[in-house]
Amino acid sequence: MPKIGTFALPSAALALAAALLPQPASADPVEALATTHKSPFTCGKTFNANNWTPDHSPSGSLDWQDYGGDDINGETVRATAAGTAYFYDAGNTSYGKWIEIRHGDGSRTRYAHLATMARAAGGSMSVGQGTTIGTVGSTGGSTAPHLHYEQRTSTGAVDTSPTVDGVTVSLGQKKAVTSTNACGGNPYTPEEVCGDGYGVIDSAALTGGRTYLLYNSGNGNNCVVTLKTTNVGSPSSMSAFLEPQGATRTTNAGSFSYYAGPVVRSAPGQCVKWGGSIGSSSYTSPFEHCG
């Protein structure tokens, strides 16, 4: 019986994957990964990592699913290691909305079937371990909400026994993994600060944190929030601002322990300038994300 969350990549998707990452011959040994990966979920979250065999493509990829009654649908997805994230959308086939992160040692990770992504397809962004990159969904060739996850070497070979948070999940195994990703960091996410219906569409790194631009397709509002990643819980100077083109700027600034914002504005048909600061580190975007 096919297992929940399994899928077969159609020829067009395989061609896309091959173009992005040339595949080595199956007889080639898989080299050890130098990058250490944590779970793709928020600190303390536990989900099942399933390494299906033989009915999963590519062999060695993990399907992350519910555990102990915790619903994985809509769960925040985080980078398992630092690198540069690239965003794609295969539509109703294959991976659906998916992300590839290219790490410093040349290895890569993939995150597929996402409901939302931190940037639009075709975009890219620098991420640290624990950076929010999307949310769990069921897009593309998926039969139920789950996160499809792969670890690949610099040659493109899939590691068939990937290790996350110190737990190795070999072919045919299912293991419950508790995340230590982003532990000791900010307990808030941009989505939690802005509220229901908001998704991250852009972000920029600051020394000691990050500033985020979010959008709510239900009401058309934009939201900006700046989150700390260091000195969390201790008050310090922070700000977040949002400025629709042709309108005044709204800023939330002060001494905050966790975040500045949320700054919410409606800007139908307008470009927006956004950004924030932590101490002397600041970011100001150009007018962008028009419409």
Protein backbone atom coordinates (compact mmCIF):
# COMPACT_ATOMS: atom_id res chain seq x y z
CA MET A 1 0.00 0.00 0.00
CA PRO A 2 1.42 3.42 -0.85
CA LYS A 3 2.46 5.32 2.23
CA ILE A 4 1.15 8.77 3.09
CA GLY A 5 3.32 11.47 1.63
CA THR A 6 5.16 9.35 -0.92
CA PHE A 7 5.36 10.44 -4.52
CA ALA A 8 7.12 9.60 -7.74
CA LEU A 9 8.85 12.39 -9.62
CA PRO A 10 7.56 12.77 -13.19
CA SER A 11 10.07 12.95 -16.02
CA ALA A 12 9.83 16.74 -16.27
CA ALA A 13 10.64 17.13 -12.57
CA LEU A 14 13.52 14.69 -12.85
CA ALA A 15 14.89 16.71 -15.72
CA LEU A 16 14.66 19.86 -13.60
CA ALA A 17 16.44 18.18 -10.70
CA ALA A 18 19.13 16.86 -13.02
CA ALA A 19 19.69 20.33 -14.45
CA LEU A 20 20.09 21.78 -10.97
CA LEU A 21 22.19 18.99 -9.54
CA PRO A 22 23.88 16.51 -11.92
CA GLN A 23 23.29 13.01 -10.60
CA PRO A 24 26.23 10.67 -10.09
CA ALA A 25 26.11 7.04 -11.11
CA SER A 26 24.27 4.93 -8.53
CA ALA A 27 27.39 2.88 -7.89
CA ASP A 28 29.32 5.92 -6.72
CA PRO A 29 29.83 6.01 -2.93
CA VAL A 30 28.14 8.83 -1.03
CA GLU A 31 30.74 10.98 0.68
CA ALA A 32 30.27 11.99 4.30
CA LEU A 33 28.65 15.36 4.85
CA ALA A 34 30.75 17.90 6.74
CA THR A 35 27.73 20.07 7.60
CA THR A 36 25.89 19.21 10.82
CA HIS A 37 22.11 19.42 10.46
CA LYS A 38 19.43 20.07 13.03
CA SER A 39 15.74 19.27 12.70
CA PRO A 40 13.84 21.49 10.24
CA PHE A 41 11.40 22.46 13.00
CA THR A 42 11.25 24.81 15.97
CA CYS A 43 13.06 23.93 19.20
CA GLY A 44 11.22 21.29 21.25
CA LYS A 45 8.95 20.13 18.43
CA THR A 46 8.84 16.36 17.86
CA PHE A 47 7.84 14.79 14.54
CA ASN A 48 8.32 11.41 12.87
CA ALA A 49 11.08 11.16 10.26
CA ASN A 50 10.19 8.38 7.79
CA ASN A 51 12.80 6.95 5.41
CA TRP A 52 10.42 4.91 3.25
CA THR A 53 11.65 2.05 1.12
CA PRO A 54 11.16 1.02 -1.63
CA ASP A 55 8.25 3.32 -2.57
CA HIS A 56 9.87 6.72 -2.20
CA SER A 57 11.71 8.89 -4.69
CA PRO A 58 14.49 9.73 -4.36
CA SER A 59 15.56 6.87 -2.14
CA GLY A 60 16.92 8.16 1.15
CA SER A 61 14.73 11.25 1.40
CA LEU A 62 12.71 11.75 4.58
CA ASP A 63 9.01 12.41 5.00
CA TRP A 64 8.36 14.31 8.22
CA GLN A 65 4.87 13.61 9.60
CA ASP A 66 2.65 13.95 12.68
CA TYR A 67 3.78 12.55 16.01
CA GLY A 68 1.82 11.96 19.20
CA GLY A 69 -1.21 13.87 17.98
CA ASP A 70 0.77 17.00 17.03
CA ASP A 71 -0.45 18.22 13.62
CA ILE A 72 2.43 19.04 11.28
CA ASN A 73 0.26 20.93 8.77
CA GLY A 74 1.24 24.62 8.76
CA GLU A 75 4.25 24.01 11.01
CA THR A 76 7.15 26.46 10.62
CA VAL A 77 10.02 25.02 8.54
CA ARG A 78 13.54 26.12 9.46
CA ALA A 79 16.91 25.80 7.74
CA THR A 80 18.71 22.73 9.11
CA ALA A 81 22.08 24.42 8.48
CA ALA A 82 23.37 27.79 7.25
CA GLY A 83 23.73 28.57 3.55
CA THR A 84 21.96 30.25 0.65
CA ALA A 85 18.31 29.32 0.07
CA TYR A 86 16.80 29.18 -3.44
CA PHE A 87 13.03 29.13 -3.93
CA TYR A 88 11.11 27.17 -6.60
CA ASP A 89 7.54 26.26 -7.54
CA ALA A 90 6.80 23.11 -9.57
CA GLY A 91 3.07 23.78 -9.53
CA ASN A 92 0.79 20.78 -9.08
CA THR A 93 3.51 18.23 -9.79
CA SER A 94 6.58 16.83 -8.11
CA TYR A 95 7.90 18.93 -5.20
CA GLY A 96 5.25 21.65 -5.48
CA LYS A 97 6.62 24.67 -3.63
CA TRP A 98 10.15 23.78 -2.63
CA ILE A 99 13.46 25.19 -1.41
CA GLU A 100 17.05 24.15 -1.88
CA ILE A 101 19.71 25.39 0.55
CA ARG A 102 23.31 25.26 -0.65
CA HIS A 103 25.69 24.92 2.27
CA GLY A 104 29.30 26.03 2.70
CA ASP A 105 30.77 22.55 2.14
CA GLY A 106 28.98 22.22 -1.21
CA SER A 107 26.25 19.96 0.16
CA ARG A 108 22.57 20.77 -0.27
CA THR A 109 19.25 20.20 1.46
CA ARG A 110 15.77 20.24 -0.08
CA TYR A 111 12.42 21.02 1.54
CA ALA A 112 9.31 20.20 -0.53
CA HIS A 113 5.47 20.37 -0.61
CA LEU A 114 5.53 23.68 1.27
CA ALA A 115 2.38 25.71 1.84
CA THR A 116 4.29 29.00 1.96
CA MET A 117 7.86 30.13 1.34
CA ALA A 118 9.87 33.01 2.79
CA ARG A 119 10.43 34.34 -0.73
CA ALA A 120 8.68 34.01 -4.06
CA ALA A 121 9.78 31.38 -6.58
CA GLY A 122 12.93 32.53 -8.35
CA GLY A 123 14.21 34.37 -5.28
CA SER A 124 17.06 33.58 -2.92
CA MET A 125 18.25 34.62 0.52
CA SER A 126 21.10 33.99 2.94
CA VAL A 127 19.99 31.88 5.92
CA GLY A 128 21.44 30.79 9.22
CA GLN A 129 20.71 27.53 10.97
CA GLY A 130 17.18 27.96 12.30
CA THR A 131 16.06 30.70 9.90
CA THR A 132 12.37 30.39 9.00
CA ILE A 133 12.09 29.46 5.31
CA GLY A 134 8.47 28.31 4.93
CA THR A 135 5.58 26.29 6.33
CA VAL A 136 4.51 22.67 5.93
CA GLY A 137 1.82 21.97 3.34
CA SER A 138 0.75 19.50 0.68
CA THR A 139 1.57 21.16 -2.66
CA GLY A 140 2.72 19.30 -5.75
CA GLY A 141 2.60 15.49 -5.89
CA SER A 142 1.62 15.07 -2.25
CA THR A 143 -1.22 13.02 -0.79
CA ALA A 144 -1.29 14.60 2.68
CA PRO A 145 0.44 17.44 4.57
CA HIS A 146 4.07 16.58 5.35
CA LEU A 147 7.59 17.86 4.77
CA HIS A 148 9.70 16.07 2.15
CA TYR A 149 13.36 16.54 3.09
CA GLU A 150 16.63 15.55 1.41
CA GLN A 151 20.32 15.80 2.26
CA ARG A 152 22.56 15.76 -0.83
CA THR A 153 26.32 15.77 -1.20
CA SER A 154 28.23 18.24 -3.36
CA THR A 155 28.03 15.72 -6.25
CA GLY A 156 24.24 15.58 -6.00
CA ALA A 157 23.99 12.12 -4.45
CA VAL A 158 21.23 11.67 -1.86
CA ASP A 159 22.45 10.58 1.56
CA THR A 160 20.34 7.46 2.17
CA SER A 161 21.01 7.56 5.93
CA PRO A 162 20.61 11.26 6.77
CA THR A 163 21.38 12.50 10.28
CA VAL A 164 19.38 15.32 11.91
CA ASP A 165 19.86 16.49 15.48
CA GLY A 166 22.21 13.56 16.05
CA VAL A 167 19.63 10.97 14.96
CA THR A 168 20.47 8.85 11.91
CA VAL A 169 17.45 7.59 9.96
CA SER A 170 18.48 4.76 7.63
CA LEU A 171 16.47 3.20 4.81
CA GLY A 172 13.27 1.59 6.09
CA GLN A 173 13.38 3.33 9.46
CA LYS A 174 10.92 5.69 11.17
CA LYS A 175 12.22 7.68 14.12
CA ALA A 176 10.77 10.41 16.31
CA VAL A 177 13.16 13.37 16.36
CA THR A 178 12.91 16.26 18.83
CA SER A 179 14.28 19.51 17.47
CA THR A 180 17.09 21.49 19.09
CA ASN A 181 17.01 23.98 16.22
CA ALA A 182 16.91 27.63 17.33
CA CYS A 183 16.91 26.61 21.00
CA GLY A 184 17.83 29.42 23.33
CA GLY A 185 16.76 31.91 20.69
CA ASN A 186 13.71 34.10 20.28
CA PRO A 187 10.51 32.25 21.29
CA TYR A 188 8.50 34.34 18.82
CA THR A 189 8.17 33.97 15.04
CA PRO A 190 7.29 36.76 12.57
CA GLU A 191 3.98 35.02 11.83
CA GLU A 192 3.07 34.90 15.52
CA VAL A 193 3.82 38.60 15.99
CA CYS A 194 1.87 39.75 12.92
CA GLY A 195 -1.03 37.36 13.49
CA ASP A 196 -3.15 34.85 11.59
CA GLY A 197 -3.02 34.97 7.81
CA TYR A 198 0.41 36.56 7.46
CA GLY A 199 3.31 34.92 5.65
CA VAL A 200 6.92 36.08 5.26
CA ILE A 201 7.69 37.42 1.77
CA ASP A 202 11.09 39.02 2.47
CA SER A 203 13.67 39.45 5.21
CA ALA A 204 17.06 41.04 5.87
CA ALA A 205 19.81 40.17 8.34
CA LEU A 206 20.82 42.53 11.13
CA THR A 207 23.59 42.18 13.68
CA GLY A 208 21.77 40.40 16.48
CA GLY A 209 18.61 39.53 14.60
CA ARG A 210 16.54 39.92 11.46
CA THR A 211 13.79 42.18 10.10
CA TYR A 212 10.86 40.67 8.19
CA LEU A 213 8.21 41.81 5.71
CA LEU A 214 4.99 39.80 5.76
CA TYR A 215 1.80 39.92 3.69
CA ASN A 216 -1.78 38.84 4.36
CA SER A 217 -3.52 37.86 1.13
CA GLY A 218 -6.85 37.75 2.95
CA ASN A 219 -6.98 41.45 3.82
CA GLY A 220 -4.17 42.87 1.65
CA ASN A 221 -2.20 44.25 4.60
CA ASN A 222 1.59 44.33 4.96
CA CYS A 223 3.36 43.80 8.27
CA VAL A 224 6.96 44.43 9.42
CA VAL A 225 8.56 42.97 12.53
CA THR A 226 12.18 42.92 13.74
CA LEU A 227 13.22 39.92 15.87
CA LYS A 228 16.26 39.50 18.09
CA THR A 229 18.51 36.44 17.97
CA THR A 230 21.03 37.61 20.59
CA ASN A 231 20.49 39.27 23.98
CA VAL A 232 17.01 37.82 23.83
CA GLY A 233 14.94 38.79 26.87
CA SER A 234 17.06 41.86 27.67
CA PRO A 235 15.67 45.28 26.68
CA SER A 236 17.65 47.11 23.99
CA SER A 237 17.09 49.62 21.20
CA MET A 238 15.08 48.18 18.27
CA SER A 239 12.78 49.39 15.51
CA ALA A 240 10.54 48.30 12.64
CA PHE A 241 9.03 50.54 9.97
CA LEU A 242 6.79 50.39 6.90
CA GLU A 243 6.25 53.11 4.29
CA PRO A 244 3.85 52.75 1.35
CA GLN A 245 5.09 54.78 -1.60
CA GLY A 246 3.53 58.23 -1.58
CA ALA A 247 2.44 57.91 2.04
CA THR A 248 3.96 58.60 5.45
CA ARG A 249 6.21 56.14 7.26
CA THR A 250 4.98 54.29 10.35
CA THR A 251 7.68 53.27 12.84
CA ASN A 252 7.66 51.28 16.05
CA ALA A 253 10.86 52.05 17.99
CA GLY A 254 11.93 51.66 21.57
CA SER A 255 13.69 49.42 24.06
CA PHE A 256 12.37 45.89 23.54
CA SER A 257 13.28 42.43 24.87
CA TYR A 258 12.17 40.27 21.94
CA TYR A 259 10.87 42.19 18.95
CA ALA A 260 9.91 45.56 17.47
CA GLY A 261 6.56 45.85 15.71
CA PRO A 262 4.27 44.73 14.39
CA VAL A 263 3.84 47.64 11.99
CA VAL A 264 0.79 46.99 9.82
CA ARG A 265 -0.23 49.07 6.78
CA SER A 266 -2.49 48.62 3.77
CA ALA A 267 -0.83 49.47 0.46
CA PRO A 268 -3.07 48.28 -2.40
CA GLY A 269 -1.37 48.80 -5.76
CA GLN A 270 1.61 50.49 -4.08
CA CYS A 271 5.27 49.69 -3.61
CA VAL A 272 6.52 49.62 -0.02
CA LYS A 273 9.76 50.58 1.72
CA TRP A 274 10.40 48.59 4.88
CA GLY A 275 13.10 47.70 7.38
CA GLY A 276 14.25 47.92 10.95
CA SER A 277 17.16 48.14 13.34
CA ILE A 278 18.81 46.52 16.33
CA GLY A 279 21.19 48.91 18.06
CA SER A 280 23.38 50.52 15.38
CA SER A 281 22.66 47.79 12.79
CA SER A 282 19.87 48.78 10.41
CA TYR A 283 18.27 47.84 7.08
CA THR A 284 16.18 50.00 4.71
CA SER A 285 14.79 48.45 1.55
CA PRO A 286 14.14 50.24 -1.71
CA PHE A 287 10.52 50.68 -2.76
CA GLU A 288 9.59 47.13 -3.82
CA HIS A 289 6.96 44.39 -3.61
CA CYS A 290 4.65 46.56 -5.67
CA GLY A 291 0.98 45.69 -6.11
